[in-house]
Amino acid sequence: MRISYNKLWKMLIDKNMNKHDLAEKSGVSSASVAKLSKGANITTDVLLKICEAMDCTLDDIMETVRD
């Protein structure tokens, strides 16, 4: 299994935001956003900052998918 952040990318599109906007609004580094776009491991602190900035929960930005 792996984590997919497709829900996050769809949310950004719906809110007319890009990855740079996400990094600015949430206070996370562009390197962390790059890791997210590659599906790499990321700390829960970063995920929680994104959720707080986007006013959502973890379920709204990520999901597990079978390989």
PDB file of N, CA and C in Angstrom:
ATOM      1  N   MET A   1       0.840  -1.184   0.000  1.00  0.00           N
ATOM      2  CA  MET A   1       0.000   0.000   0.000  1.00  0.00           C
ATOM      3  C   MET A   1       0.882   1.244   0.000  1.00  0.00           C
ATOM      4  N   ARG A   2       0.289   2.329  -0.468  1.00  0.00           N
ATOM      5  CA  ARG A   2       0.997   3.606  -0.467  1.00  0.00           C
ATOM      6  C   ARG A   2      -0.005   4.720  -0.199  1.00  0.00           C
ATOM      7  N   ILE A   3       0.510   5.901   0.071  1.00  0.00           N
ATOM      8  CA  ILE A   3      -0.326   7.082   0.309  1.00  0.00           C
ATOM      9  C   ILE A   3      -0.436   7.873  -0.984  1.00  0.00           C
ATOM     10  N   SER A   4      -1.645   8.287  -1.305  1.00  0.00           N
ATOM     11  CA  SER A   4      -1.882   9.137  -2.474  1.00  0.00           C
ATOM     12  C   SER A   4      -2.381  10.502  -1.995  1.00  0.00           C
ATOM     13  N   TYR A   5      -1.825  11.557  -2.575  1.00  0.00           N
ATOM     14  CA  TYR A   5      -2.239  12.919  -2.234  1.00  0.00           C
ATOM     15  C   TYR A   5      -3.076  13.534  -3.355  1.00  0.00           C
ATOM     16  N   ASN A   6      -3.682  12.703  -4.190  1.00  0.00           N
ATOM     17  CA  ASN A   6      -4.511  13.210  -5.289  1.00  0.00           C
ATOM     18  C   ASN A   6      -5.655  14.089  -4.788  1.00  0.00           C
ATOM     19  N   LYS A   7      -6.191  13.758  -3.633  1.00  0.00           N
ATOM     20  CA  LYS A   7      -7.266  14.576  -3.068  1.00  0.00           C
ATOM     21  C   LYS A   7      -6.783  16.001  -2.805  1.00  0.00           C
ATOM     22  N   LEU A   8      -5.552  16.135  -2.344  1.00  0.00           N
ATOM     23  CA  LEU A   8      -4.977  17.464  -2.097  1.00  0.00           C
ATOM     24  C   LEU A   8      -4.856  18.243  -3.392  1.00  0.00           C
ATOM     25  N   TRP A   9      -4.347  17.605  -4.440  1.00  0.00           N
ATOM     26  CA  TRP A   9      -4.170  18.298  -5.720  1.00  0.00           C
ATOM     27  C   TRP A   9      -5.517  18.712  -6.300  1.00  0.00           C
ATOM     28  N   LYS A  10      -6.520  17.871  -6.138  1.00  0.00           N
ATOM     29  CA  LYS A  10      -7.867  18.224  -6.618  1.00  0.00           C
ATOM     30  C   LYS A  10      -8.427  19.408  -5.825  1.00  0.00           C
ATOM     31  N   MET A  11      -8.153  19.422  -4.521  1.00  0.00           N
ATOM     32  CA  MET A  11      -8.606  20.530  -3.685  1.00  0.00           C
ATOM     33  C   MET A  11      -7.963  21.839  -4.126  1.00  0.00           C
ATOM     34  N   LEU A  12      -6.676  21.781  -4.437  1.00  0.00           N
ATOM     35  CA  LEU A  12      -5.980  22.986  -4.901  1.00  0.00           C
ATOM     36  C   LEU A  12      -6.607  23.507  -6.192  1.00  0.00           C
ATOM     37  N   ILE A  13      -6.921  22.604  -7.101  1.00  0.00           N
ATOM     38  CA  ILE A  13      -7.556  23.004  -8.363  1.00  0.00           C
ATOM     39  C   ILE A  13      -8.903  23.657  -8.080  1.00  0.00           C
ATOM     40  N   ASP A  14      -9.688  23.048  -7.199  1.00  0.00           N
ATOM     41  CA  ASP A  14     -11.011  23.589  -6.862  1.00  0.00           C
ATOM     42  C   ASP A  14     -10.918  24.978  -6.238  1.00  0.00           C
ATOM     43  N   LYS A  15      -9.841  25.222  -5.483  1.00  0.00           N
ATOM     44  CA  LYS A  15      -9.671  26.516  -4.827  1.00  0.00           C
ATOM     45  C   LYS A  15      -8.823  27.474  -5.668  1.00  0.00           C
ATOM     46  N   ASN A  16      -8.523  27.069  -6.897  1.00  0.00           N
ATOM     47  CA  ASN A  16      -7.742  27.890  -7.817  1.00  0.00           C
ATOM     48  C   ASN A  16      -6.391  28.274  -7.212  1.00  0.00           C
ATOM     49  N   MET A  17      -5.723  27.281  -6.636  1.00  0.00           N
ATOM     50  CA  MET A  17      -4.414  27.488  -6.013  1.00  0.00           C
ATOM     51  C   MET A  17      -3.387  26.602  -6.701  1.00  0.00           C
ATOM     52  N   ASN A  18      -2.117  26.988  -6.581  1.00  0.00           N
ATOM     53  CA  ASN A  18      -1.046  26.134  -7.076  1.00  0.00           C
ATOM     54  C   ASN A  18      -0.174  25.690  -5.893  1.00  0.00           C
ATOM     55  N   LYS A  19       0.855  24.915  -6.169  1.00  0.00           N
ATOM     56  CA  LYS A  19       1.700  24.368  -5.102  1.00  0.00           C
ATOM     57  C   LYS A  19       2.434  25.469  -4.347  1.00  0.00           C
ATOM     58  N   HIS A  20       2.830  26.509  -5.058  1.00  0.00           N
ATOM     59  CA  HIS A  20       3.503  27.639  -4.408  1.00  0.00           C
ATOM     60  C   HIS A  20       2.549  28.320  -3.425  1.00  0.00           C
ATOM     61  N   ASP A  21       1.296  28.502  -3.826  1.00  0.00           N
ATOM     62  CA  ASP A  21       0.289  29.090  -2.944  1.00  0.00           C
ATOM     63  C   ASP A  21       0.105  28.232  -1.692  1.00  0.00           C
ATOM     64  N   LEU A  22       0.089  26.921  -1.888  1.00  0.00           N
ATOM     65  CA  LEU A  22      -0.063  25.996  -0.764  1.00  0.00           C
ATOM     66  C   LEU A  22       1.092  26.156   0.223  1.00  0.00           C
ATOM     67  N   ALA A  23       2.309  26.214  -0.288  1.00  0.00           N
ATOM     68  CA  ALA A  23       3.485  26.358   0.579  1.00  0.00           C
ATOM     69  C   ALA A  23       3.414  27.671   1.362  1.00  0.00           C
ATOM     70  N   GLU A  24       3.046  28.747   0.699  1.00  0.00           N
ATOM     71  CA  GLU A  24       2.945  30.049   1.364  1.00  0.00           C
ATOM     72  C   GLU A  24       1.858  30.057   2.430  1.00  0.00           C
ATOM     73  N   LYS A  25       0.687  29.587   2.077  1.00  0.00           N
ATOM     74  CA  LYS A  25      -0.462  29.632   2.988  1.00  0.00           C
ATOM     75  C   LYS A  25      -0.258  28.745   4.210  1.00  0.00           C
ATOM     76  N   SER A  26       0.356  27.586   4.006  1.00  0.00           N
ATOM     77  CA  SER A  26       0.509  26.629   5.104  1.00  0.00           C
ATOM     78  C   SER A  26       1.805  26.806   5.882  1.00  0.00           C
ATOM     79  N   GLY A  27       2.761  27.520   5.306  1.00  0.00           N
ATOM     80  CA  GLY A  27       4.034  27.713   5.997  1.00  0.00           C
ATOM     81  C   GLY A  27       4.967  26.520   5.899  1.00  0.00           C
ATOM     82  N   VAL A  28       4.717  25.609   4.966  1.00  0.00           N
ATOM     83  CA  VAL A  28       5.625  24.480   4.759  1.00  0.00           C
ATOM     84  C   VAL A  28       6.604  24.825   3.639  1.00  0.00           C
ATOM     85  N   SER A  29       7.716  24.152   3.614  1.00  0.00           N
ATOM     86  CA  SER A  29       8.741  24.450   2.611  1.00  0.00           C
ATOM     87  C   SER A  29       8.342  23.922   1.234  1.00  0.00           C
ATOM     88  N   SER A  30       8.947  24.519   0.228  1.00  0.00           N
ATOM     89  CA  SER A  30       8.698  24.038  -1.136  1.00  0.00           C
ATOM     90  C   SER A  30       9.248  22.624  -1.301  1.00  0.00           C
ATOM     91  N   ALA A  31      10.270  22.279  -0.534  1.00  0.00           N
ATOM     92  CA  ALA A  31      10.817  20.915  -0.578  1.00  0.00           C
ATOM     93  C   ALA A  31       9.783  19.905  -0.073  1.00  0.00           C
ATOM     94  N   SER A  32       9.037  20.279   0.950  1.00  0.00           N
ATOM     95  CA  SER A  32       7.995  19.385   1.477  1.00  0.00           C
ATOM     96  C   SER A  32       6.879  19.209   0.463  1.00  0.00           C
ATOM     97  N   VAL A  33       6.500  20.291  -0.211  1.00  0.00           N
ATOM     98  CA  VAL A  33       5.470  20.196  -1.237  1.00  0.00           C
ATOM     99  C   VAL A  33       5.962  19.327  -2.391  1.00  0.00           C
ATOM    100  N   ALA A  34       7.244  19.442  -2.725  1.00  0.00           N
ATOM    101  CA  ALA A  34       7.818  18.607  -3.782  1.00  0.00           C
ATOM    102  C   ALA A  34       7.768  17.133  -3.385  1.00  0.00           C
ATOM    103  N   LYS A  35       8.050  16.842  -2.117  1.00  0.00           N
ATOM    104  CA  LYS A  35       7.958  15.459  -1.634  1.00  0.00           C
ATOM    105  C   LYS A  35       6.533  14.936  -1.766  1.00  0.00           C
ATOM    106  N   LEU A  36       5.576  15.787  -1.434  1.00  0.00           N
ATOM    107  CA  LEU A  36       4.171  15.384  -1.562  1.00  0.00           C
ATOM    108  C   LEU A  36       3.836  15.044  -3.010  1.00  0.00           C
ATOM    109  N   SER A  37       4.313  15.860  -3.937  1.00  0.00           N
ATOM    110  CA  SER A  37       3.980  15.633  -5.345  1.00  0.00           C
ATOM    111  C   SER A  37       4.617  14.355  -5.881  1.00  0.00           C
ATOM    112  N   LYS A  38       5.700  13.903  -5.236  1.00  0.00           N
ATOM    113  CA  LYS A  38       6.348  12.655  -5.635  1.00  0.00           C
ATOM    114  C   LYS A  38       5.813  11.457  -4.862  1.00  0.00           C
ATOM    115  N   GLY A  39       4.934  11.724  -3.897  1.00  0.00           N
ATOM    116  CA  GLY A  39       4.392  10.635  -3.082  1.00  0.00           C
ATOM    117  C   GLY A  39       5.381  10.114  -2.061  1.00  0.00           C
ATOM    118  N   ALA A  40       6.388  10.928  -1.738  1.00  0.00           N
ATOM    119  CA  ALA A  40       7.413  10.523  -0.777  1.00  0.00           C
ATOM    120  C   ALA A  40       6.891  10.666   0.651  1.00  0.00           C
ATOM    121  N   ASN A  41       7.631  10.098   1.580  1.00  0.00           N
ATOM    122  CA  ASN A  41       7.246  10.196   2.992  1.00  0.00           C
ATOM    123  C   ASN A  41       7.373  11.642   3.470  1.00  0.00           C
ATOM    124  N   ILE A  42       6.420  12.027   4.297  1.00  0.00           N
ATOM    125  CA  ILE A  42       6.371  13.389   4.820  1.00  0.00           C
ATOM    126  C   ILE A  42       5.919  13.302   6.273  1.00  0.00           C
ATOM    127  N   THR A  43       6.337  14.240   7.094  1.00  0.00           N
ATOM    128  CA  THR A  43       5.970  14.174   8.509  1.00  0.00           C
ATOM    129  C   THR A  43       4.508  14.561   8.717  1.00  0.00           C
ATOM    130  N   THR A  44       3.957  14.061   9.797  1.00  0.00           N
ATOM    131  CA  THR A  44       2.572  14.410  10.120  1.00  0.00           C
ATOM    132  C   THR A  44       2.456  15.888  10.472  1.00  0.00           C
ATOM    133  N   ASP A  45       3.518  16.490  10.984  1.00  0.00           N
ATOM    134  CA  ASP A  45       3.484  17.931  11.275  1.00  0.00           C
ATOM    135  C   ASP A  45       3.188  18.731  10.014  1.00  0.00           C
ATOM    136  N   VAL A  46       3.818  18.370   8.906  1.00  0.00           N
ATOM    137  CA  VAL A  46       3.586  19.056   7.639  1.00  0.00           C
ATOM    138  C   VAL A  46       2.147  18.849   7.191  1.00  0.00           C
ATOM    139  N   LEU A  47       1.669  17.632   7.296  1.00  0.00           N
ATOM    140  CA  LEU A  47       0.294  17.345   6.892  1.00  0.00           C
ATOM    141  C   LEU A  47      -0.708  18.131   7.730  1.00  0.00           C
ATOM    142  N   LEU A  48      -0.449  18.237   9.028  1.00  0.00           N
ATOM    143  CA  LEU A  48      -1.351  18.979   9.900  1.00  0.00           C
ATOM    144  C   LEU A  48      -1.319  20.475   9.598  1.00  0.00           C
ATOM    145  N   LYS A  49      -0.158  21.014   9.255  1.00  0.00           N
ATOM    146  CA  LYS A  49      -0.074  22.426   8.861  1.00  0.00           C
ATOM    147  C   LYS A  49      -0.907  22.681   7.614  1.00  0.00           C
ATOM    148  N   ILE A  50      -0.841  21.761   6.665  1.00  0.00           N
ATOM    149  CA  ILE A  50      -1.629  21.897   5.438  1.00  0.00           C
ATOM    150  C   ILE A  50      -3.112  21.832   5.765  1.00  0.00           C
ATOM    151  N   CYS A  51      -3.501  20.884   6.606  1.00  0.00           N
ATOM    152  CA  CYS A  51      -4.913  20.753   6.981  1.00  0.00           C
ATOM    153  C   CYS A  51      -5.415  22.014   7.679  1.00  0.00           C
ATOM    154  N   GLU A  52      -4.603  22.566   8.552  1.00  0.00           N
ATOM    155  CA  GLU A  52      -5.010  23.779   9.254  1.00  0.00           C
ATOM    156  C   GLU A  52      -5.177  24.943   8.275  1.00  0.00           C
ATOM    157  N   ALA A  53      -4.240  25.077   7.364  1.00  0.00           N
ATOM    158  CA  ALA A  53      -4.296  26.172   6.389  1.00  0.00           C
ATOM    159  C   ALA A  53      -5.466  26.017   5.423  1.00  0.00           C
ATOM    160  N   MET A  54      -5.777  24.783   5.056  1.00  0.00           N
ATOM    161  CA  MET A  54      -6.833  24.535   4.076  1.00  0.00           C
ATOM    162  C   MET A  54      -8.195  24.270   4.744  1.00  0.00           C
ATOM    163  N   ASP A  55      -8.223  24.306   6.080  1.00  0.00           N
ATOM    164  CA  ASP A  55      -9.435  24.073   6.853  1.00  0.00           C
ATOM    165  C   ASP A  55     -10.082  22.736   6.469  1.00  0.00           C
ATOM    166  N   CYS A  56      -9.285  21.676   6.630  1.00  0.00           N
ATOM    167  CA  CYS A  56      -9.760  20.336   6.269  1.00  0.00           C
ATOM    168  C   CYS A  56      -9.139  19.311   7.215  1.00  0.00           C
ATOM    169  N   THR A  57      -9.442  18.041   6.972  1.00  0.00           N
ATOM    170  CA  THR A  57      -8.870  16.949   7.761  1.00  0.00           C
ATOM    171  C   THR A  57      -7.931  16.128   6.878  1.00  0.00           C
ATOM    172  N   LEU A  58      -7.214  15.218   7.496  1.00  0.00           N
ATOM    173  CA  LEU A  58      -6.300  14.355   6.740  1.00  0.00           C
ATOM    174  C   LEU A  58      -7.049  13.548   5.683  1.00  0.00           C
ATOM    175  N   ASP A  59      -8.252  13.125   6.003  1.00  0.00           N
ATOM    176  CA  ASP A  59      -9.061  12.363   5.039  1.00  0.00           C
ATOM    177  C   ASP A  59      -9.366  13.172   3.782  1.00  0.00           C
ATOM    178  N   ASP A  60      -9.375  14.488   3.912  1.00  0.00           N
ATOM    179  CA  ASP A  60      -9.684  15.343   2.762  1.00  0.00           C
ATOM    180  C   ASP A  60      -8.511  15.509   1.808  1.00  0.00           C
ATOM    181  N   ILE A  61      -7.278  15.219   2.275  1.00  0.00           N
ATOM    182  CA  ILE A  61      -6.109  15.471   1.421  1.00  0.00           C
ATOM    183  C   ILE A  61      -5.330  14.222   1.046  1.00  0.00           C
ATOM    184  N   MET A  62      -5.629  13.085   1.676  1.00  0.00           N
ATOM    185  CA  MET A  62      -4.853  11.890   1.378  1.00  0.00           C
ATOM    186  C   MET A  62      -5.708  10.643   1.513  1.00  0.00           C
ATOM    187  N   GLU A  63      -5.223   9.559   0.893  1.00  0.00           N
ATOM    188  CA  GLU A  63      -5.877   8.270   1.006  1.00  0.00           C
ATOM    189  C   GLU A  63      -4.849   7.172   0.771  1.00  0.00           C
ATOM    190  N   THR A  64      -5.144   5.989   1.262  1.00  0.00           N
ATOM    191  CA  THR A  64      -4.275   4.859   0.987  1.00  0.00           C
ATOM    192  C   THR A  64      -4.794   4.127  -0.254  1.00  0.00           C
ATOM    193  N   VAL A  65      -3.863   3.690  -1.064  1.00  0.00           N
ATOM    194  CA  VAL A  65      -4.212   2.928  -2.265  1.00  0.00           C
ATOM    195  C   VAL A  65      -3.334   1.693  -2.349  1.00  0.00           C
ATOM    196  N   ARG A  66      -3.888   0.648  -2.879  1.00  0.00           N
ATOM    197  CA  ARG A  66      -3.112  -0.587  -3.077  1.00  0.00           C
ATOM    198  C   ARG A  66      -2.231  -0.440  -4.314  1.00  0.00           C
ATOM    199  N   ASP A  67      -1.052  -0.998  -4.217  1.00  0.00           N
ATOM    200  CA  ASP A  67      -0.121  -0.956  -5.361  1.00  0.00           C
ATOM    201  C   ASP A  67      -0.581  -1.854  -6.484  1.00  0.00           C
TER     202      ASP A  67
END
